[in-house]
Amino acid sequence: MKRCAAIILCLAILGACSDARILDGDANVVWVKENLVLPGAPDEVAARHCAQFGKKAVYERTLDLGRDALTPARVYACR
């Protein structure tokens, strides 16, 4: 039982440490899920996304995803 709990804890920690990820986006806006460990990661992910369209990512706001989400999402405009 303790081993199972330890494995689940390790998986949760690894998931929280993973790179920021895009929740949704297009040529005008991108929503990026924040990262617990690397606070600059959402900025970099948004910049790469917007660069595909020849645009720059501009931070707009942070969205609270509810009590079940460990981290919020950031909204960036592609300009």
C-alpha atoms as a PDB file:
ATOM      1  CA  MET A   1       0.000   0.000   0.000  1.00  0.00           C
ATOM      2  CA  LYS A   2       2.807   2.420   0.890  1.00  0.00           C
ATOM      3  CA  ARG A   3       4.600   1.571  -2.335  1.00  0.00           C
ATOM      4  CA  CYS A   4       1.495   2.350  -4.382  1.00  0.00           C
ATOM      5  CA  ALA A   5       1.090   5.683  -2.615  1.00  0.00           C
ATOM      6  CA  ALA A   6       4.756   6.505  -3.257  1.00  0.00           C
ATOM      7  CA  ILE A   7       4.392   5.712  -6.967  1.00  0.00           C
ATOM      8  CA  ILE A   8       1.289   7.890  -7.256  1.00  0.00           C
ATOM      9  CA  LEU A   9       3.084  10.741  -5.477  1.00  0.00           C
ATOM     10  CA  CYS A  10       6.078  10.457  -7.822  1.00  0.00           C
ATOM     11  CA  LEU A  11       3.809  10.532 -10.876  1.00  0.00           C
ATOM     12  CA  ALA A  12       2.016  13.606  -9.543  1.00  0.00           C
ATOM     13  CA  ILE A  13       5.319  15.388  -8.950  1.00  0.00           C
ATOM     14  CA  LEU A  14       6.603  14.501 -12.415  1.00  0.00           C
ATOM     15  CA  GLY A  15       3.378  15.789 -13.949  1.00  0.00           C
ATOM     16  CA  ALA A  16       3.711  19.072 -12.104  1.00  0.00           C
ATOM     17  CA  CYS A  17       7.335  19.433 -13.216  1.00  0.00           C
ATOM     18  CA  SER A  18       6.610  18.909 -16.880  1.00  0.00           C
ATOM     19  CA  ASP A  19       6.909  21.770 -19.323  1.00  0.00           C
ATOM     20  CA  ALA A  20       4.061  24.226 -19.663  1.00  0.00           C
ATOM     21  CA  ARG A  21       1.548  23.131 -22.293  1.00  0.00           C
ATOM     22  CA  ILE A  22      -0.907  24.756 -24.644  1.00  0.00           C
ATOM     23  CA  LEU A  23      -4.535  24.234 -23.690  1.00  0.00           C
ATOM     24  CA  ASP A  24      -5.912  25.986 -26.781  1.00  0.00           C
ATOM     25  CA  GLY A  25      -4.758  28.523 -29.303  1.00  0.00           C
ATOM     26  CA  ASP A  26      -4.876  29.964 -32.777  1.00  0.00           C
ATOM     27  CA  ALA A  27      -3.195  32.812 -34.688  1.00  0.00           C
ATOM     28  CA  ASN A  28      -4.685  35.442 -32.336  1.00  0.00           C
ATOM     29  CA  VAL A  29      -4.578  33.967 -28.836  1.00  0.00           C
ATOM     30  CA  VAL A  30      -3.039  31.089 -26.898  1.00  0.00           C
ATOM     31  CA  TRP A  31      -3.921  29.618 -23.490  1.00  0.00           C
ATOM     32  CA  VAL A  32      -0.955  28.076 -21.710  1.00  0.00           C
ATOM     33  CA  LYS A  33      -1.133  25.941 -18.559  1.00  0.00           C
ATOM     34  CA  GLU A  34       1.434  27.182 -16.059  1.00  0.00           C
ATOM     35  CA  ASN A  35       4.221  25.080 -14.611  1.00  0.00           C
ATOM     36  CA  LEU A  36       4.837  24.720 -10.863  1.00  0.00           C
ATOM     37  CA  VAL A  37       8.618  24.567 -11.079  1.00  0.00           C
ATOM     38  CA  LEU A  38       9.560  26.671 -14.109  1.00  0.00           C
ATOM     39  CA  PRO A  39       7.683  29.975 -13.860  1.00  0.00           C
ATOM     40  CA  GLY A  40       9.004  31.308 -17.201  1.00  0.00           C
ATOM     41  CA  ALA A  41       7.910  28.269 -19.173  1.00  0.00           C
ATOM     42  CA  PRO A  42       4.458  29.611 -20.195  1.00  0.00           C
ATOM     43  CA  ASP A  43       6.084  32.712 -21.689  1.00  0.00           C
ATOM     44  CA  GLU A  44       8.424  30.579 -23.793  1.00  0.00           C
ATOM     45  CA  VAL A  45       5.671  28.218 -24.945  1.00  0.00           C
ATOM     46  CA  ALA A  46       3.435  31.143 -25.927  1.00  0.00           C
ATOM     47  CA  ALA A  47       6.312  32.849 -27.743  1.00  0.00           C
ATOM     48  CA  ARG A  48       6.999  29.707 -29.805  1.00  0.00           C
ATOM     49  CA  HIS A  49       3.299  29.329 -30.636  1.00  0.00           C
ATOM     50  CA  CYS A  50       2.836  32.936 -31.778  1.00  0.00           C
ATOM     51  CA  ALA A  51       6.127  32.872 -33.711  1.00  0.00           C
ATOM     52  CA  GLN A  52       4.584  30.233 -36.000  1.00  0.00           C
ATOM     53  CA  PHE A  53       2.283  32.999 -37.242  1.00  0.00           C
ATOM     54  CA  GLY A  54       4.995  35.663 -37.404  1.00  0.00           C
ATOM     55  CA  LYS A  55       3.686  37.319 -34.234  1.00  0.00           C
ATOM     56  CA  LYS A  56       4.862  37.998 -30.681  1.00  0.00           C
ATOM     57  CA  ALA A  57       3.146  36.732 -27.546  1.00  0.00           C
ATOM     58  CA  VAL A  58       1.775  39.433 -25.247  1.00  0.00           C
ATOM     59  CA  TYR A  59       0.600  38.394 -21.770  1.00  0.00           C
ATOM     60  CA  GLU A  60      -3.006  39.413 -21.073  1.00  0.00           C
ATOM     61  CA  ARG A  61      -4.251  37.698 -17.913  1.00  0.00           C
ATOM     62  CA  THR A  62      -4.197  34.610 -15.704  1.00  0.00           C
ATOM     63  CA  LEU A  63      -7.224  32.323 -15.496  1.00  0.00           C
ATOM     64  CA  ASP A  64      -8.080  30.345 -12.382  1.00  0.00           C
ATOM     65  CA  LEU A  65      -9.024  26.854 -13.545  1.00  0.00           C
ATOM     66  CA  GLY A  66     -10.843  25.940 -10.348  1.00  0.00           C
ATOM     67  CA  ARG A  67      -9.973  24.267  -7.117  1.00  0.00           C
ATOM     68  CA  ASP A  68      -9.008  20.957  -8.736  1.00  0.00           C
ATOM     69  CA  ALA A  69      -6.272  22.515 -10.872  1.00  0.00           C
ATOM     70  CA  LEU A  70      -2.827  22.796  -9.307  1.00  0.00           C
ATOM     71  CA  THR A  71      -1.795  25.643 -11.584  1.00  0.00           C
ATOM     72  CA  PRO A  72      -3.726  28.345 -13.461  1.00  0.00           C
ATOM     73  CA  ALA A  73      -3.576  29.098 -17.174  1.00  0.00           C
ATOM     74  CA  ARG A  74      -2.159  32.212 -18.773  1.00  0.00           C
ATOM     75  CA  VAL A  75      -3.763  33.913 -21.753  1.00  0.00           C
ATOM     76  CA  TYR A  76      -1.520  35.515 -24.364  1.00  0.00           C
ATOM     77  CA  ALA A  77      -2.490  37.566 -27.388  1.00  0.00           C
ATOM     78  CA  CYS A  78      -0.517  36.957 -30.572  1.00  0.00           C
ATOM     79  CA  ARG A  79       0.238  40.385 -32.048  1.00  0.00           C
END
